[in-house]
Amino acid sequence: MKPTKVEVLLYELCIKLGYCLPPKDIVRLSENPPGTVDDFTKAVFTAEGVEYAGERQRWRSVRDIVAQHFSRWEEESREEPNRPRTTRGI
């Protein structure tokens, strides 16, 4: 089974930053991903049980990776306008 775009993003967060979410949260985010970079970043912190307020550097590190993926997904959707999207709002 090919991983979803969200799973690829979450895998990168795990490998690069150590934000390795529990399987149930990976499934939840893959099935219903937040539609904005900030909301997705908040969801990662929440799933990890980490308070993001006051964690500027950690927030920025996670958000930068999320933003890169969102940007890539947007580019892909523009390049293939007739292809159905694989994630909601992304």
PDB file of N, CA and C in Angstrom:
ATOM      1  N   MET A   1       0.842  -1.179   0.000  1.00  0.00           N
ATOM      2  CA  MET A   1       0.000   0.000   0.000  1.00  0.00           C
ATOM      3  C   MET A   1       0.888   1.243   0.000  1.00  0.00           C
ATOM      4  N   LYS A   2       0.601   2.157  -0.893  1.00  0.00           N
ATOM      5  CA  LYS A   2       1.364   3.392  -1.013  1.00  0.00           C
ATOM      6  C   LYS A   2       0.949   4.358   0.099  1.00  0.00           C
ATOM      7  N   PRO A   3       1.939   4.966   0.785  1.00  0.00           N
ATOM      8  CA  PRO A   3       1.576   5.918   1.842  1.00  0.00           C
ATOM      9  C   PRO A   3       0.910   7.167   1.256  1.00  0.00           C
ATOM     10  N   THR A   4       0.006   7.738   2.035  1.00  0.00           N
ATOM     11  CA  THR A   4      -0.650   8.975   1.601  1.00  0.00           C
ATOM     12  C   THR A   4       0.336  10.134   1.737  1.00  0.00           C
ATOM     13  N   LYS A   5      -0.009  11.239   1.143  1.00  0.00           N
ATOM     14  CA  LYS A   5       0.825  12.437   1.241  1.00  0.00           C
ATOM     15  C   LYS A   5       0.991  12.861   2.701  1.00  0.00           C
ATOM     16  N   VAL A   6      -0.059  12.742   3.462  1.00  0.00           N
ATOM     17  CA  VAL A   6       0.004  13.112   4.874  1.00  0.00           C
ATOM     18  C   VAL A   6       0.952  12.178   5.622  1.00  0.00           C
ATOM     19  N   GLU A   7       0.893  10.896   5.316  1.00  0.00           N
ATOM     20  CA  GLU A   7       1.797   9.940   5.967  1.00  0.00           C
ATOM     21  C   GLU A   7       3.258  10.246   5.648  1.00  0.00           C
ATOM     22  N   VAL A   8       3.530  10.670   4.423  1.00  0.00           N
ATOM     23  CA  VAL A   8       4.887  11.046   4.031  1.00  0.00           C
ATOM     24  C   VAL A   8       5.334  12.257   4.849  1.00  0.00           C
ATOM     25  N   LEU A   9       4.465  13.241   4.997  1.00  0.00           N
ATOM     26  CA  LEU A   9       4.759  14.421   5.812  1.00  0.00           C
ATOM     27  C   LEU A   9       5.033  14.026   7.261  1.00  0.00           C
ATOM     28  N   LEU A  10       4.175  13.209   7.831  1.00  0.00           N
ATOM     29  CA  LEU A  10       4.346  12.800   9.226  1.00  0.00           C
ATOM     30  C   LEU A  10       5.615  11.973   9.413  1.00  0.00           C
ATOM     31  N   TYR A  11       5.960  11.168   8.433  1.00  0.00           N
ATOM     32  CA  TYR A  11       7.198  10.392   8.495  1.00  0.00           C
ATOM     33  C   TYR A  11       8.404  11.340   8.532  1.00  0.00           C
ATOM     34  N   GLU A  12       8.378  12.371   7.712  1.00  0.00           N
ATOM     35  CA  GLU A  12       9.477  13.344   7.698  1.00  0.00           C
ATOM     36  C   GLU A  12       9.599  14.058   9.043  1.00  0.00           C
ATOM     37  N   LEU A  13       8.465  14.441   9.638  1.00  0.00           N
ATOM     38  CA  LEU A  13       8.504  15.075  10.955  1.00  0.00           C
ATOM     39  C   LEU A  13       9.102  14.134  11.993  1.00  0.00           C
ATOM     40  N   CYS A  14       8.805  12.866  11.879  1.00  0.00           N
ATOM     41  CA  CYS A  14       9.339  11.870  12.815  1.00  0.00           C
ATOM     42  C   CYS A  14      10.849  11.720  12.644  1.00  0.00           C
ATOM     43  N   ILE A  15      11.294  11.533  11.424  1.00  0.00           N
ATOM     44  CA  ILE A  15      12.712  11.292  11.144  1.00  0.00           C
ATOM     45  C   ILE A  15      13.560  12.535  11.436  1.00  0.00           C
ATOM     46  N   LYS A  16      13.108  13.685  10.971  1.00  0.00           N
ATOM     47  CA  LYS A  16      13.926  14.899  11.096  1.00  0.00           C
ATOM     48  C   LYS A  16      13.840  15.574  12.459  1.00  0.00           C
ATOM     49  N   LEU A  17      12.646  15.542  13.076  1.00  0.00           N
ATOM     50  CA  LEU A  17      12.453  16.321  14.303  1.00  0.00           C
ATOM     51  C   LEU A  17      12.062  15.494  15.517  1.00  0.00           C
ATOM     52  N   GLY A  18      11.799  14.208  15.314  1.00  0.00           N
ATOM     53  CA  GLY A  18      11.432  13.358  16.435  1.00  0.00           C
ATOM     54  C   GLY A  18       9.970  13.435  16.838  1.00  0.00           C
ATOM     55  N   TYR A  19       9.141  14.039  15.997  1.00  0.00           N
ATOM     56  CA  TYR A  19       7.693  14.097  16.258  1.00  0.00           C
ATOM     57  C   TYR A  19       7.060  12.861  15.624  1.00  0.00           C
ATOM     58  N   CYS A  20       7.101  11.759  16.359  1.00  0.00           N
ATOM     59  CA  CYS A  20       6.604  10.475  15.864  1.00  0.00           C
ATOM     60  C   CYS A  20       5.254  10.190  16.512  1.00  0.00           C
ATOM     61  N   LEU A  21       4.206  10.420  15.759  1.00  0.00           N
ATOM     62  CA  LEU A  21       2.857  10.320  16.297  1.00  0.00           C
ATOM     63  C   LEU A  21       2.420   8.870  16.470  1.00  0.00           C
ATOM     64  N   PRO A  22       1.531   8.643  17.428  1.00  0.00           N
ATOM     65  CA  PRO A  22       0.950   7.304  17.591  1.00  0.00           C
ATOM     66  C   PRO A  22       0.155   6.920  16.336  1.00  0.00           C
ATOM     67  N   PRO A  23       0.083   5.631  16.038  1.00  0.00           N
ATOM     68  CA  PRO A  23      -0.625   5.176  14.834  1.00  0.00           C
ATOM     69  C   PRO A  23      -2.053   5.718  14.713  1.00  0.00           C
ATOM     70  N   LYS A  24      -2.791   5.800  15.814  1.00  0.00           N
ATOM     71  CA  LYS A  24      -4.181   6.287  15.723  1.00  0.00           C
ATOM     72  C   LYS A  24      -4.223   7.746  15.267  1.00  0.00           C
ATOM     73  N   ASP A  25      -3.238   8.540  15.661  1.00  0.00           N
ATOM     74  CA  ASP A  25      -3.209   9.940  15.228  1.00  0.00           C
ATOM     75  C   ASP A  25      -2.770  10.067  13.779  1.00  0.00           C
ATOM     76  N   ILE A  26      -1.893   9.179  13.343  1.00  0.00           N
ATOM     77  CA  ILE A  26      -1.502   9.163  11.928  1.00  0.00           C
ATOM     78  C   ILE A  26      -2.721   8.860  11.064  1.00  0.00           C
ATOM     79  N   VAL A  27      -3.498   7.871  11.466  1.00  0.00           N
ATOM     80  CA  VAL A  27      -4.715   7.517  10.718  1.00  0.00           C
ATOM     81  C   VAL A  27      -5.691   8.689  10.729  1.00  0.00           C
ATOM     82  N   ARG A  28      -5.900   9.272  11.899  1.00  0.00           N
ATOM     83  CA  ARG A  28      -6.849  10.389  12.029  1.00  0.00           C
ATOM     84  C   ARG A  28      -6.446  11.561  11.134  1.00  0.00           C
ATOM     85  N   LEU A  29      -5.180  11.947  11.163  1.00  0.00           N
ATOM     86  CA  LEU A  29      -4.727  13.070  10.346  1.00  0.00           C
ATOM     87  C   LEU A  29      -4.720  12.727   8.860  1.00  0.00           C
ATOM     88  N   SER A  30      -4.454  11.466   8.536  1.00  0.00           N
ATOM     89  CA  SER A  30      -4.466  11.057   7.128  1.00  0.00           C
ATOM     90  C   SER A  30      -5.876  11.063   6.554  1.00  0.00           C
ATOM     91  N   GLU A  31      -6.835  10.648   7.362  1.00  0.00           N
ATOM     92  CA  GLU A  31      -8.226  10.590   6.890  1.00  0.00           C
ATOM     93  C   GLU A  31      -8.893  11.957   6.865  1.00  0.00           C
ATOM     94  N   ASN A  32      -8.482  12.849   7.746  1.00  0.00           N
ATOM     95  CA  ASN A  32      -9.116  14.155   7.831  1.00  0.00           C
ATOM     96  C   ASN A  32      -8.070  15.215   8.199  1.00  0.00           C
ATOM     97  N   PRO A  33      -7.177  15.539   7.256  1.00  0.00           N
ATOM     98  CA  PRO A  33      -6.100  16.469   7.577  1.00  0.00           C
ATOM     99  C   PRO A  33      -6.600  17.904   7.734  1.00  0.00           C
ATOM    100  N   PRO A  34      -6.040  18.625   8.685  1.00  0.00           N
ATOM    101  CA  PRO A  34      -6.364  20.049   8.802  1.00  0.00           C
ATOM    102  C   PRO A  34      -6.014  20.753   7.491  1.00  0.00           C
ATOM    103  N   GLY A  35      -6.791  21.749   7.137  1.00  0.00           N
ATOM    104  CA  GLY A  35      -6.658  22.378   5.825  1.00  0.00           C
ATOM    105  C   GLY A  35      -5.672  23.514   5.705  1.00  0.00           C
ATOM    106  N   THR A  36      -5.082  23.953   6.832  1.00  0.00           N
ATOM    107  CA  THR A  36      -4.099  25.032   6.757  1.00  0.00           C
ATOM    108  C   THR A  36      -2.798  24.585   7.407  1.00  0.00           C
ATOM    109  N   VAL A  37      -1.723  25.274   7.061  1.00  0.00           N
ATOM    110  CA  VAL A  37      -0.408  24.951   7.619  1.00  0.00           C
ATOM    111  C   VAL A  37      -0.428  25.096   9.143  1.00  0.00           C
ATOM    112  N   ASP A  38      -0.973  26.207   9.643  1.00  0.00           N
ATOM    113  CA  ASP A  38      -0.991  26.421  11.090  1.00  0.00           C
ATOM    114  C   ASP A  38      -1.856  25.396  11.813  1.00  0.00           C
ATOM    115  N   ASP A  39      -3.014  25.075  11.254  1.00  0.00           N
ATOM    116  CA  ASP A  39      -3.886  24.081  11.891  1.00  0.00           C
ATOM    117  C   ASP A  39      -3.242  22.696  11.903  1.00  0.00           C
ATOM    118  N   PHE A  40      -2.549  22.362  10.822  1.00  0.00           N
ATOM    119  CA  PHE A  40      -1.875  21.067  10.769  1.00  0.00           C
ATOM    120  C   PHE A  40      -0.750  21.033  11.800  1.00  0.00           C
ATOM    121  N   THR A  41      -0.001  22.122  11.896  1.00  0.00           N
ATOM    122  CA  THR A  41       1.092  22.209  12.867  1.00  0.00           C
ATOM    123  C   THR A  41       0.545  22.065  14.286  1.00  0.00           C
ATOM    124  N   LYS A  42      -0.544  22.742  14.590  1.00  0.00           N
ATOM    125  CA  LYS A  42      -1.177  22.623  15.914  1.00  0.00           C
ATOM    126  C   LYS A  42      -1.590  21.173  16.182  1.00  0.00           C
ATOM    127  N   ALA A  43      -2.131  20.510  15.172  1.00  0.00           N
ATOM    128  CA  ALA A  43      -2.582  19.123  15.331  1.00  0.00           C
ATOM    129  C   ALA A  43      -1.409  18.196  15.666  1.00  0.00           C
ATOM    130  N   VAL A  44      -0.256  18.462  15.077  1.00  0.00           N
ATOM    131  CA  VAL A  44       0.930  17.653  15.371  1.00  0.00           C
ATOM    132  C   VAL A  44       1.332  17.834  16.827  1.00  0.00           C
ATOM    133  N   PHE A  45       1.399  19.087  17.281  1.00  0.00           N
ATOM    134  CA  PHE A  45       1.759  19.351  18.677  1.00  0.00           C
ATOM    135  C   PHE A  45       0.745  18.727  19.631  1.00  0.00           C
ATOM    136  N   THR A  46      -0.518  18.849  19.310  1.00  0.00           N
ATOM    137  CA  THR A  46      -1.566  18.285  20.160  1.00  0.00           C
ATOM    138  C   THR A  46      -1.442  16.766  20.237  1.00  0.00           C
ATOM    139  N   ALA A  47      -1.220  16.127  19.100  1.00  0.00           N
ATOM    140  CA  ALA A  47      -1.088  14.673  19.077  1.00  0.00           C
ATOM    141  C   ALA A  47       0.144  14.207  19.860  1.00  0.00           C
ATOM    142  N   GLU A  48       1.178  15.018  19.857  1.00  0.00           N
ATOM    143  CA  GLU A  48       2.396  14.695  20.610  1.00  0.00           C
ATOM    144  C   GLU A  48       2.244  15.004  22.094  1.00  0.00           C
ATOM    145  N   GLY A  49       1.187  15.746  22.436  1.00  0.00           N
ATOM    146  CA  GLY A  49       0.998  16.130  23.833  1.00  0.00           C
ATOM    147  C   GLY A  49       1.952  17.229  24.261  1.00  0.00           C
ATOM    148  N   VAL A  50       2.381  18.042  23.301  1.00  0.00           N
ATOM    149  CA  VAL A  50       3.329  19.120  23.559  1.00  0.00           C
ATOM    150  C   VAL A  50       2.607  20.462  23.458  1.00  0.00           C
ATOM    151  N   GLU A  51       2.837  21.315  24.426  1.00  0.00           N
ATOM    152  CA  GLU A  51       2.266  22.670  24.403  1.00  0.00           C
ATOM    153  C   GLU A  51       3.101  23.516  23.440  1.00  0.00           C
ATOM    154  N   TYR A  52       2.470  24.081  22.443  1.00  0.00           N
ATOM    155  CA  TYR A  52       3.219  24.845  21.449  1.00  0.00           C
ATOM    156  C   TYR A  52       3.377  26.310  21.814  1.00  0.00           C
ATOM    157  N   ALA A  53       2.579  26.815  22.736  1.00  0.00           N
ATOM    158  CA  ALA A  53       2.716  28.213  23.157  1.00  0.00           C
ATOM    159  C   ALA A  53       4.072  28.393  23.828  1.00  0.00           C
ATOM    160  N   GLY A  54       4.817  29.379  23.372  1.00  0.00           N
ATOM    161  CA  GLY A  54       6.115  29.648  23.945  1.00  0.00           C
ATOM    162  C   GLY A  54       7.244  28.798  23.381  1.00  0.00           C
ATOM    163  N   GLU A  55       6.931  27.914  22.467  1.00  0.00           N
ATOM    164  CA  GLU A  55       7.940  27.038  21.846  1.00  0.00           C
ATOM    165  C   GLU A  55       8.212  27.517  20.421  1.00  0.00           C
ATOM    166  N   ARG A  56       8.684  28.744  20.312  1.00  0.00           N
ATOM    167  CA  ARG A  56       8.852  29.375  19.003  1.00  0.00           C
ATOM    168  C   ARG A  56       9.726  28.573  18.041  1.00  0.00           C
ATOM    169  N   GLN A  57      10.877  28.141  18.501  1.00  0.00           N
ATOM    170  CA  GLN A  57      11.800  27.434  17.610  1.00  0.00           C
ATOM    171  C   GLN A  57      11.232  26.074  17.188  1.00  0.00           C
ATOM    172  N   ARG A  58      10.668  25.351  18.147  1.00  0.00           N
ATOM    173  CA  ARG A  58      10.075  24.056  17.814  1.00  0.00           C
ATOM    174  C   ARG A  58       8.903  24.245  16.850  1.00  0.00           C
ATOM    175  N   TRP A  59       8.060  25.252  17.139  1.00  0.00           N
ATOM    176  CA  TRP A  59       6.921  25.559  16.269  1.00  0.00           C
ATOM    177  C   TRP A  59       7.413  25.832  14.854  1.00  0.00           C
ATOM    178  N   ARG A  60       8.412  26.691  14.741  1.00  0.00           N
ATOM    179  CA  ARG A  60       8.925  27.081  13.427  1.00  0.00           C
ATOM    180  C   ARG A  60       9.490  25.869  12.676  1.00  0.00           C
ATOM    181  N   SER A  61      10.206  25.000  13.371  1.00  0.00           N
ATOM    182  CA  SER A  61      10.788  23.814  12.730  1.00  0.00           C
ATOM    183  C   SER A  61       9.706  22.901  12.162  1.00  0.00           C
ATOM    184  N   VAL A  62       8.676  22.634  12.954  1.00  0.00           N
ATOM    185  CA  VAL A  62       7.569  21.785  12.493  1.00  0.00           C
ATOM    186  C   VAL A  62       6.811  22.490  11.376  1.00  0.00           C
ATOM    187  N   ARG A  63       6.494  23.765  11.587  1.00  0.00           N
ATOM    188  CA  ARG A  63       5.711  24.512  10.608  1.00  0.00           C
ATOM    189  C   ARG A  63       6.419  24.600   9.259  1.00  0.00           C
ATOM    190  N   ASP A  64       7.735  24.770   9.269  1.00  0.00           N
ATOM    191  CA  ASP A  64       8.482  24.866   8.009  1.00  0.00           C
ATOM    192  C   ASP A  64       8.326  23.594   7.177  1.00  0.00           C
ATOM    193  N   ILE A  65       8.422  22.448   7.812  1.00  0.00           N
ATOM    194  CA  ILE A  65       8.260  21.181   7.074  1.00  0.00           C
ATOM    195  C   ILE A  65       6.829  21.026   6.583  1.00  0.00           C
ATOM    196  N   VAL A  66       5.858  21.344   7.435  1.00  0.00           N
ATOM    197  CA  VAL A  66       4.450  21.270   7.023  1.00  0.00           C
ATOM    198  C   VAL A  66       4.211  22.202   5.837  1.00  0.00           C
ATOM    199  N   ALA A  67       4.732  23.420   5.901  1.00  0.00           N
ATOM    200  CA  ALA A  67       4.534  24.391   4.818  1.00  0.00           C
ATOM    201  C   ALA A  67       5.152  23.906   3.510  1.00  0.00           C
ATOM    202  N   GLN A  68       6.312  23.266   3.581  1.00  0.00           N
ATOM    203  CA  GLN A  68       6.945  22.725   2.370  1.00  0.00           C
ATOM    204  C   GLN A  68       6.043  21.688   1.704  1.00  0.00           C
ATOM    205  N   HIS A  69       5.463  20.821   2.510  1.00  0.00           N
ATOM    206  CA  HIS A  69       4.579  19.789   1.959  1.00  0.00           C
ATOM    207  C   HIS A  69       3.306  20.402   1.390  1.00  0.00           C
ATOM    208  N   PHE A  70       2.697  21.332   2.116  1.00  0.00           N
ATOM    209  CA  PHE A  70       1.485  21.982   1.615  1.00  0.00           C
ATOM    210  C   PHE A  70       1.763  22.665   0.286  1.00  0.00           C
ATOM    211  N   SER A  71       2.903  23.340   0.187  1.00  0.00           N
ATOM    212  CA  SER A  71       3.276  24.021  -1.052  1.00  0.00           C
ATOM    213  C   SER A  71       3.443  23.025  -2.193  1.00  0.00           C
ATOM    214  N   ARG A  72       4.095  21.913  -1.898  1.00  0.00           N
ATOM    215  CA  ARG A  72       4.291  20.866  -2.908  1.00  0.00           C
ATOM    216  C   ARG A  72       2.952  20.301  -3.366  1.00  0.00           C
ATOM    217  N   TRP A  73       2.043  20.075  -2.404  1.00  0.00           N
ATOM    218  CA  TRP A  73       0.722  19.536  -2.755  1.00  0.00           C
ATOM    219  C   TRP A  73      -0.042  20.509  -3.643  1.00  0.00           C
ATOM    220  N   GLU A  74       0.084  21.793  -3.334  1.00  0.00           N
ATOM    221  CA  GLU A  74      -0.603  22.809  -4.140  1.00  0.00           C
ATOM    222  C   GLU A  74      -0.039  22.831  -5.560  1.00  0.00           C
ATOM    223  N   GLU A  75       1.286  22.748  -5.678  1.00  0.00           N
ATOM    224  CA  GLU A  75       1.912  22.694  -7.002  1.00  0.00           C
ATOM    225  C   GLU A  75       1.429  21.483  -7.792  1.00  0.00           C
ATOM    226  N   GLU A  76       1.394  20.343  -7.140  1.00  0.00           N
ATOM    227  CA  GLU A  76       0.949  19.115  -7.805  1.00  0.00           C
ATOM    228  C   GLU A  76      -0.497  19.236  -8.283  1.00  0.00           C
ATOM    229  N   SER A  77      -1.340  19.866  -7.488  1.00  0.00           N
ATOM    230  CA  SER A  77      -2.746  19.987  -7.890  1.00  0.00           C
ATOM    231  C   SER A  77      -2.894  20.945  -9.070  1.00  0.00           C
ATOM    232  N   ARG A  78      -2.011  21.934  -9.180  1.00  0.00           N
ATOM    233  CA  ARG A  78      -2.052  22.849 -10.333  1.00  0.00           C
ATOM    234  C   ARG A  78      -1.520  22.162 -11.592  1.00  0.00           C
ATOM    235  N   GLU A  79      -0.517  21.310 -11.424  1.00  0.00           N
ATOM    236  CA  GLU A  79       0.082  20.625 -12.566  1.00  0.00           C
ATOM    237  C   GLU A  79      -0.837  19.564 -13.144  1.00  0.00           C
ATOM    238  N   GLU A  80      -1.666  18.971 -12.301  1.00  0.00           N
ATOM    239  CA  GLU A  80      -2.569  17.905 -12.734  1.00  0.00           C
ATOM    240  C   GLU A  80      -4.007  18.282 -12.380  1.00  0.00           C
ATOM    241  N   PRO A  81      -4.588  19.246 -13.109  1.00  0.00           N
ATOM    242  CA  PRO A  81      -5.915  19.750 -12.731  1.00  0.00           C
ATOM    243  C   PRO A  81      -7.035  18.719 -12.834  1.00  0.00           C
ATOM    244  N   ASN A  82      -6.887  17.703 -13.649  1.00  0.00           N
ATOM    245  CA  ASN A  82      -7.961  16.716 -13.802  1.00  0.00           C
ATOM    246  C   ASN A  82      -7.828  15.537 -12.844  1.00  0.00           C
ATOM    247  N   ARG A  83      -6.734  15.489 -12.118  1.00  0.00           N
ATOM    248  CA  ARG A  83      -6.503  14.391 -11.188  1.00  0.00           C
ATOM    249  C   ARG A  83      -7.230  14.685  -9.866  1.00  0.00           C
ATOM    250  N   PRO A  84      -7.977  13.715  -9.356  1.00  0.00           N
ATOM    251  CA  PRO A  84      -8.674  13.942  -8.095  1.00  0.00           C
ATOM    252  C   PRO A  84      -7.671  14.104  -6.956  1.00  0.00           C
ATOM    253  N   ARG A  85      -8.010  14.969  -6.007  1.00  0.00           N
ATOM    254  CA  ARG A  85      -7.152  15.175  -4.852  1.00  0.00           C
ATOM    255  C   ARG A  85      -7.241  13.979  -3.926  1.00  0.00           C
ATOM    256  N   THR A  86      -6.119  13.673  -3.273  1.00  0.00           N
ATOM    257  CA  THR A  86      -6.080  12.524  -2.376  1.00  0.00           C
ATOM    258  C   THR A  86      -6.306  12.911  -0.927  1.00  0.00           C
ATOM    259  N   THR A  87      -6.282  14.199  -0.636  1.00  0.00           N
ATOM    260  CA  THR A  87      -6.542  14.647   0.732  1.00  0.00           C
ATOM    261  C   THR A  87      -7.470  15.839   0.686  1.00  0.00           C
ATOM    262  N   ARG A  88      -8.298  15.959   1.697  1.00  0.00           N
ATOM    263  CA  ARG A  88      -9.284  17.031   1.758  1.00  0.00           C
ATOM    264  C   ARG A  88      -8.589  18.373   1.962  1.00  0.00           C
ATOM    265  N   GLY A  89      -8.909  19.323   1.100  1.00  0.00           N
ATOM    266  CA  GLY A  89      -8.444  20.691   1.275  1.00  0.00           C
ATOM    267  C   GLY A  89      -6.964  20.899   1.010  1.00  0.00           C
ATOM    268  N   ILE A  90      -6.318  19.876   0.493  1.00  0.00           N
ATOM    269  CA  ILE A  90      -4.873  20.019   0.272  1.00  0.00           C
ATOM    270  C   ILE A  90      -4.579  19.805  -1.196  1.00  0.00           C
TER     271      ILE A  90
END
